[in-house]
Amino acid sequence: MRVITVANQKGGCAKTTTVVNLAASLAELGKKVLVIDLDPQGNASDWLGSQDSDDAAFRLLAEKGAVEALVSDSNIDNVQVIRGSRELAKVEKALAGELSIETKLKRRLTQVFKNNEWDFVLIDTPPTLGILTVNALAAANELLIPVTTHVMSLSGVAQLLATYQEVQEMLNPNLVITGFVASRVDMRTRHARDVMESLKESFGDQVFSTLIRENVLLAEAPSFQEPILSYKSKSSAAEDYRMLACEIVKKHKSS
């Protein structure tokens, strides 16, 4: 089972869009996927149509009950969700006084992961490097970094990489960067081409070949609680996420 945290310090980098559409694309390949929504905005949960247990992700971190009871079905076959909500903003206060709160998520998931019920676990994170993102990094074995082709997005990457190195050194030595995925790309602009060139110069083969092209349909899909694969199955955006899913699956097999 692969546990992939999707993170970037900068907001608006298509983290949630990546989580939802990658989950749908992996499910289309026959993989079973669990999405853990650690963003207090709960956008991934809403997009996936998860109806149960509004505070499931908060309870996952703050309580000791059975993790399986927190999992709900989504509107996509083979995709399940542990729902995020505004309650997550209170999690640091709820964990005050506990030891090793940075690894609370990892410890909570260890037992349930032994059952290997899912092929992939995708963890959505907030646009901050606080306790929620640190828990997500400590619990994962891979880090996927969405980057929009804007220079400000690269500054978010630099901050995330510093946190990644600290987490790897102190909490999770098995954490590796599975790759950088360029999102909302419009290669007709000089700025986008320059940022792509900078990404490849800095990170080489860690940048996925697949580009997620700018497409207004990706902004429309959440309103219909559908991933792009069902909302507009034959669109270029759906094609991009299918290609990304295939690349992620193949990359693991060749590593």
Protein backbone atom coordinates (compact mmCIF):
# COMPACT_ATOMS: atom_id res chain seq x y z
CA MET A 1 0.00 0.00 0.00
CA ARG A 2 1.27 3.45 -0.98
CA VAL A 3 0.54 6.38 1.32
CA ILE A 4 1.01 9.64 -0.57
CA THR A 5 0.77 13.07 1.03
CA VAL A 6 -0.07 15.86 -1.41
CA ALA A 7 1.32 19.14 -0.13
CA ASN A 8 2.64 22.59 -0.99
CA GLN A 9 3.06 25.54 1.35
CA LYS A 10 1.50 27.88 -1.23
CA GLY A 11 -2.30 28.03 -1.51
CA GLY A 12 -3.93 27.69 -4.92
CA CYS A 13 -1.49 25.04 -6.12
CA ALA A 14 -4.18 22.52 -7.06
CA LYS A 15 -3.58 20.20 -4.10
CA THR A 16 -7.23 19.26 -3.70
CA THR A 17 -7.78 19.10 -7.46
CA THR A 18 -4.84 16.73 -7.66
CA VAL A 19 -6.07 14.53 -4.79
CA VAL A 20 -9.63 14.15 -6.10
CA ASN A 21 -8.81 13.60 -9.76
CA LEU A 22 -5.82 11.37 -9.05
CA ALA A 23 -8.01 9.26 -6.74
CA ALA A 24 -10.61 8.91 -9.51
CA SER A 25 -7.93 8.06 -12.07
CA LEU A 26 -6.38 5.39 -9.86
CA ALA A 27 -9.84 3.95 -9.18
CA GLU A 28 -10.44 3.79 -12.92
CA LEU A 29 -7.29 1.65 -13.12
CA GLY A 30 -8.88 -0.75 -10.64
CA LYS A 31 -7.07 0.52 -7.53
CA LYS A 32 -8.80 0.92 -4.18
CA VAL A 33 -8.19 4.40 -2.78
CA LEU A 34 -8.68 6.08 0.60
CA VAL A 35 -8.63 9.89 0.73
CA ILE A 36 -7.81 11.44 4.12
CA ASP A 37 -8.86 15.09 4.09
CA LEU A 38 -6.72 17.02 6.57
CA ASP A 39 -7.68 20.44 5.20
CA PRO A 40 -10.08 22.28 7.56
CA GLN A 41 -11.86 23.65 4.48
CA GLY A 42 -12.99 20.09 3.67
CA ASN A 43 -13.08 20.80 -0.06
CA ALA A 44 -11.93 17.34 -1.11
CA SER A 45 -14.64 15.76 1.05
CA ASP A 46 -17.33 17.97 -0.45
CA TRP A 47 -16.10 17.34 -3.98
CA LEU A 48 -16.12 13.58 -3.42
CA GLY A 49 -19.67 13.72 -2.11
CA SER A 50 -18.82 12.25 1.28
CA GLN A 51 -21.93 12.56 3.47
CA ASP A 52 -20.98 10.81 6.70
CA SER A 53 -19.14 11.93 9.80
CA ASP A 54 -18.38 15.62 9.22
CA ASP A 55 -15.68 15.61 11.89
CA ALA A 56 -14.11 12.25 10.98
CA ALA A 57 -10.58 13.55 10.34
CA PHE A 58 -10.64 15.52 13.60
CA ARG A 59 -11.75 12.42 15.50
CA LEU A 60 -9.03 10.41 13.76
CA LEU A 61 -6.43 12.67 15.35
CA ALA A 62 -8.10 13.61 18.63
CA GLU A 63 -9.83 10.39 19.72
CA LYS A 64 -9.02 6.72 20.20
CA GLY A 65 -11.99 4.93 18.59
CA ALA A 66 -11.88 2.51 15.66
CA VAL A 67 -10.49 4.14 12.53
CA GLU A 68 -12.69 1.98 10.30
CA ALA A 69 -15.78 3.70 11.74
CA LEU A 70 -14.53 7.03 10.36
CA VAL A 71 -14.33 5.86 6.74
CA SER A 72 -17.23 6.73 4.44
CA ASP A 73 -17.97 5.98 0.80
CA SER A 74 -17.57 8.66 -1.85
CA ASN A 75 -19.50 9.14 -5.07
CA ILE A 76 -16.71 7.31 -6.93
CA ASP A 77 -16.51 3.53 -7.00
CA ASN A 78 -13.42 2.21 -5.16
CA VAL A 79 -12.76 5.59 -3.46
CA GLN A 80 -13.46 6.11 0.25
CA VAL A 81 -12.97 9.17 2.44
CA ILE A 82 -12.10 10.22 5.97
CA ARG A 83 -13.87 13.54 5.89
CA GLY A 84 -12.25 16.86 6.81
CA SER A 85 -14.02 19.82 8.41
CA ARG A 86 -13.46 23.10 10.26
CA GLU A 87 -13.03 21.09 13.46
CA LEU A 88 -9.49 20.33 12.27
CA ALA A 89 -8.52 23.90 13.06
CA LYS A 90 -8.89 22.95 16.74
CA VAL A 91 -6.74 19.83 16.59
CA GLU A 92 -3.58 21.37 18.06
CA LYS A 93 -5.51 22.54 21.11
CA ALA A 94 -7.18 19.14 21.40
CA LEU A 95 -3.79 17.39 21.39
CA ALA A 96 -2.16 19.75 23.89
CA GLY A 97 -0.42 17.78 26.61
CA GLU A 98 -0.04 14.60 24.55
CA LEU A 99 3.39 13.26 23.69
CA SER A 100 4.64 13.05 20.08
CA ILE A 101 1.65 14.79 18.57
CA GLU A 102 3.53 15.05 15.26
CA THR A 103 3.17 11.29 14.76
CA LYS A 104 -0.40 10.91 16.02
CA LEU A 105 -1.78 10.19 12.55
CA LYS A 106 0.92 7.63 11.81
CA ARG A 107 0.20 5.77 15.04
CA ARG A 108 -3.56 5.86 14.49
CA LEU A 109 -3.24 4.42 11.00
CA THR A 110 -0.66 1.73 11.67
CA GLN A 111 -3.15 -0.92 12.76
CA VAL A 112 -5.74 -0.30 10.07
CA PHE A 113 -3.09 -0.24 7.34
CA LYS A 114 -2.02 -3.77 8.29
CA ASN A 115 -5.23 -5.01 6.66
CA ASN A 116 -4.10 -3.65 3.27
CA GLU A 117 -7.67 -2.72 2.40
CA TRP A 118 -6.53 0.01 0.00
CA ASP A 119 -3.87 0.18 -2.72
CA PHE A 120 -3.39 3.94 -2.30
CA VAL A 121 -3.98 6.38 0.52
CA LEU A 122 -3.96 10.03 -0.58
CA ILE A 123 -3.70 12.70 2.13
CA ASP A 124 -4.87 16.22 1.32
CA THR A 125 -3.26 18.98 3.39
CA PRO A 126 -3.93 22.63 4.24
CA PRO A 127 -1.81 25.43 2.70
CA THR A 128 0.26 25.75 5.89
CA LEU A 129 3.15 23.82 7.38
CA GLY A 130 1.54 23.37 10.79
CA ILE A 131 0.75 20.29 12.83
CA LEU A 132 -1.69 18.85 10.25
CA THR A 133 0.83 18.87 7.41
CA VAL A 134 3.61 17.55 9.66
CA ASN A 135 1.34 14.66 10.70
CA ALA A 136 0.58 13.97 7.04
CA LEU A 137 4.29 13.87 6.19
CA ALA A 138 5.10 11.67 9.17
CA ALA A 139 2.38 9.17 8.20
CA ALA A 140 3.22 8.89 4.49
CA ASN A 141 5.88 7.02 2.56
CA GLU A 142 5.68 9.39 -0.43
CA LEU A 143 5.31 13.13 -0.98
CA LEU A 144 3.65 14.45 -4.14
CA ILE A 145 4.12 18.17 -4.73
CA PRO A 146 1.75 20.00 -7.10
CA VAL A 147 3.28 23.18 -8.49
CA THR A 148 1.49 25.78 -10.57
CA THR A 149 3.60 27.46 -13.21
CA HIS A 150 3.94 30.68 -11.27
CA VAL A 151 7.08 31.95 -9.57
CA MET A 152 5.29 32.32 -6.21
CA SER A 153 4.50 28.62 -6.26
CA LEU A 154 8.23 27.87 -6.29
CA SER A 155 8.69 29.80 -3.04
CA GLY A 156 6.15 27.48 -1.45
CA VAL A 157 8.16 24.50 -2.69
CA ALA A 158 11.32 25.80 -1.01
CA GLN A 159 9.54 26.08 2.35
CA LEU A 160 7.97 22.65 1.98
CA LEU A 161 11.31 21.02 1.15
CA ALA A 162 12.86 22.45 4.31
CA THR A 163 10.02 20.91 6.36
CA TYR A 164 10.30 17.65 4.39
CA GLN A 165 13.99 17.36 5.28
CA GLU A 166 13.27 17.96 8.97
CA VAL A 167 10.46 15.39 9.01
CA GLN A 168 12.63 12.86 7.18
CA GLU A 169 15.49 13.38 9.62
CA MET A 170 13.48 13.41 12.85
CA LEU A 171 10.17 11.61 12.29
CA ASN A 172 10.00 9.57 9.10
CA PRO A 173 13.25 8.44 7.45
CA ASN A 174 11.28 6.40 4.89
CA LEU A 175 9.58 9.43 3.36
CA VAL A 176 10.61 10.07 -0.26
CA ILE A 177 9.54 12.63 -2.84
CA THR A 178 7.62 10.74 -5.48
CA GLY A 179 7.60 13.76 -7.76
CA PHE A 180 6.56 17.28 -8.70
CA VAL A 181 3.48 17.66 -10.88
CA ALA A 182 3.07 20.89 -12.84
CA SER A 183 -0.56 22.03 -12.68
CA ARG A 184 -2.64 24.73 -14.35
CA VAL A 185 -0.03 24.90 -17.09
CA ASP A 186 -0.46 27.21 -20.07
CA MET A 187 2.64 26.72 -22.19
CA ARG A 188 1.56 29.55 -24.47
CA THR A 189 2.89 31.99 -21.87
CA ARG A 190 6.56 32.78 -21.46
CA HIS A 191 6.22 32.81 -17.68
CA ALA A 192 4.90 29.24 -17.61
CA ARG A 193 7.72 28.04 -19.84
CA ASP A 194 10.29 29.78 -17.63
CA VAL A 195 8.89 28.20 -14.45
CA MET A 196 8.83 24.75 -16.08
CA GLU A 197 12.46 25.19 -17.11
CA SER A 198 13.38 26.24 -13.58
CA LEU A 199 11.56 23.21 -12.13
CA LYS A 200 13.39 20.80 -14.42
CA GLU A 201 16.75 22.44 -13.76
CA SER A 202 16.21 22.15 -10.00
CA PHE A 203 14.57 18.72 -9.73
CA GLY A 204 15.32 16.87 -12.98
CA ASP A 205 13.66 13.45 -13.21
CA GLN A 206 11.56 14.17 -10.13
CA VAL A 207 9.32 16.36 -12.32
CA PHE A 208 6.59 14.22 -13.85
CA SER A 209 6.42 14.15 -17.64
CA THR A 210 2.66 14.65 -17.41
CA LEU A 211 1.53 18.27 -17.31
CA ILE A 212 -1.90 19.20 -16.00
CA ARG A 213 -2.98 21.79 -18.52
CA GLU A 214 -5.04 24.86 -17.61
CA ASN A 215 -8.70 24.01 -18.16
CA VAL A 216 -11.84 25.78 -16.91
CA LEU A 217 -13.60 22.40 -16.65
CA LEU A 218 -11.44 21.57 -13.60
CA ALA A 219 -12.94 24.58 -11.82
CA GLU A 220 -16.48 23.57 -12.80
CA ALA A 221 -16.32 19.90 -11.73
CA PRO A 222 -16.50 20.44 -7.93
CA SER A 223 -19.89 22.17 -8.27
CA PHE A 224 -21.28 18.92 -9.63
CA GLN A 225 -19.45 16.76 -7.05
CA GLU A 226 -17.75 14.89 -9.85
CA PRO A 227 -14.10 14.32 -10.75
CA ILE A 228 -13.13 15.49 -14.19
CA LEU A 229 -13.12 11.86 -15.37
CA SER A 230 -16.91 11.62 -15.07
CA TYR A 231 -17.79 15.30 -15.49
CA LYS A 232 -16.07 15.58 -18.88
CA SER A 233 -14.57 12.17 -19.52
CA LYS A 234 -13.09 12.98 -22.94
CA SER A 235 -11.61 16.36 -22.04
CA SER A 236 -7.90 17.14 -22.13
CA ALA A 237 -8.02 17.57 -18.34
CA ALA A 238 -9.34 14.02 -17.87
CA GLU A 239 -6.64 12.77 -20.21
CA ASP A 240 -3.96 14.57 -18.19
CA TYR A 241 -5.01 13.00 -14.88
CA ARG A 242 -5.27 9.56 -16.43
CA MET A 243 -1.72 9.95 -17.71
CA LEU A 244 -0.50 11.17 -14.31
CA ALA A 245 -2.04 8.15 -12.57
CA CYS A 246 -0.37 5.78 -15.03
CA GLU A 247 2.96 7.55 -14.55
CA ILE A 248 2.71 7.32 -10.75
CA VAL A 249 1.88 3.59 -10.90
CA LYS A 250 4.73 2.89 -13.34
CA LYS A 251 7.23 5.03 -11.44
CA HIS A 252 6.75 2.94 -8.32
CA LYS A 253 7.19 -0.32 -10.21
CA SER A 254 10.46 0.86 -11.75
CA SER A 255 11.92 2.27 -8.53
